[in-house]
Amino acid sequence: MSNCTSSCKTQDHTSYGECIRSNMPMISGGATPSRTGASLSAIKKDEKELSSYYSAIAQGVEPISTKQKDIDAALKFSNETGVAFDGNKI
């Protein structure tokens, strides 16, 4: 009896689990930028924007979106007027 799935190309794995892991790397390795189609620079940009957004929220400012231009505009408004910007009231 084979330890491999019927779709295994090599049919030489020592266990069923080894066969599954070798044929489905997403199970053990998770998604990587090359598998999702997103570039590493795009992911880093998104993470930076989200970090800025959460920082603004912690300061009491509510930007209208998580885009850096909206975050910067909300912080600028808040600093110039002395009143926390609330994008929910627009």
Protein backbone atom coordinates (compact mmCIF):
# COMPACT_ATOMS: atom_id res chain seq x y z
CA MET A 1 0.00 0.00 0.00
CA SER A 2 1.39 3.39 -1.01
CA ASN A 3 1.88 6.18 1.52
CA CYS A 4 1.20 8.74 -1.21
CA THR A 5 -1.93 10.29 -2.61
CA SER A 6 -3.06 9.16 -6.03
CA SER A 7 -2.08 12.55 -7.48
CA CYS A 8 1.51 12.41 -6.13
CA LYS A 9 4.00 12.60 -8.98
CA THR A 10 6.89 10.86 -7.19
CA GLN A 11 5.04 8.20 -5.14
CA ASP A 12 8.12 7.86 -2.91
CA HIS A 13 7.18 9.47 0.42
CA THR A 14 7.67 7.60 3.67
CA SER A 15 4.33 8.75 5.11
CA TYR A 16 1.01 10.14 3.95
CA GLY A 17 1.68 13.37 5.88
CA GLU A 18 5.05 13.84 4.17
CA CYS A 19 3.34 13.41 0.80
CA ILE A 20 0.64 15.96 1.63
CA ARG A 21 3.18 18.49 2.93
CA SER A 22 5.39 18.15 -0.14
CA ASN A 23 2.50 18.57 -2.56
CA MET A 24 0.72 21.37 -0.67
CA PRO A 25 3.35 23.78 0.69
CA MET A 26 0.65 26.29 1.67
CA ILE A 27 -0.32 24.04 4.60
CA SER A 28 3.06 24.19 6.31
CA GLY A 29 4.60 27.34 4.88
CA GLY A 30 1.74 29.79 4.73
CA ALA A 31 1.22 32.38 2.04
CA THR A 32 4.23 34.15 0.64
CA PRO A 33 4.22 37.26 -1.56
CA SER A 34 4.99 35.20 -4.67
CA ARG A 35 1.95 32.99 -4.06
CA THR A 36 -0.46 35.83 -3.40
CA GLY A 37 0.71 38.01 -6.26
CA ALA A 38 1.60 40.91 -3.95
CA SER A 39 5.11 42.28 -4.00
CA LEU A 40 7.13 42.61 -0.83
CA SER A 41 7.35 46.39 -1.30
CA ALA A 42 3.55 46.63 -1.55
CA ILE A 43 3.16 44.62 1.64
CA LYS A 44 5.67 46.82 3.47
CA LYS A 45 3.88 49.96 2.22
CA ASP A 46 0.55 48.64 3.51
CA GLU A 47 2.06 47.73 6.87
CA LYS A 48 3.61 51.21 7.19
CA GLU A 49 0.28 52.89 6.37
CA LEU A 50 -1.57 50.75 8.89
CA SER A 51 1.03 51.53 11.53
CA SER A 52 0.59 55.27 10.84
CA TYR A 53 -3.19 54.88 10.93
CA TYR A 54 -3.13 53.12 14.32
CA SER A 55 -0.74 55.75 15.64
CA ALA A 56 -3.17 58.50 14.59
CA ILE A 57 -6.07 56.64 16.22
CA ALA A 58 -4.05 56.37 19.45
CA GLN A 59 -3.65 60.17 19.36
CA GLY A 60 -7.42 60.63 19.08
CA VAL A 61 -7.37 61.47 15.36
CA GLU A 62 -9.73 59.58 13.03
CA PRO A 63 -8.47 59.75 9.40
CA ILE A 64 -11.04 59.13 6.65
CA SER A 65 -9.04 56.13 5.38
CA THR A 66 -5.88 54.13 6.00
CA LYS A 67 -4.09 55.78 3.05
CA GLN A 68 -1.01 57.76 4.03
CA LYS A 69 -2.22 60.98 2.34
CA ASP A 70 -5.45 60.91 4.38
CA ILE A 71 -3.58 60.14 7.60
CA ASP A 72 -1.14 63.01 6.98
CA ALA A 73 -4.00 65.41 6.18
CA ALA A 74 -5.90 64.47 9.35
CA LEU A 75 -2.80 64.90 11.53
CA LYS A 76 -1.99 68.23 9.87
CA PHE A 77 -5.53 69.50 10.43
CA SER A 78 -5.44 68.38 14.06
CA ASN A 79 -2.08 70.04 14.69
CA GLU A 80 -3.11 73.32 13.02
CA THR A 81 -6.52 73.65 14.69
CA GLY A 82 -5.82 72.01 18.03
CA VAL A 83 -8.93 69.85 17.54
CA ALA A 84 -8.72 66.14 16.76
CA PHE A 85 -9.91 65.45 13.22
CA ASP A 86 -12.83 63.03 13.01
CA GLY A 87 -13.27 61.55 9.54
CA ASN A 88 -16.51 59.88 10.61
CA LYS A 89 -18.27 63.24 10.77
CA ILE A 90 -17.58 64.24 7.18
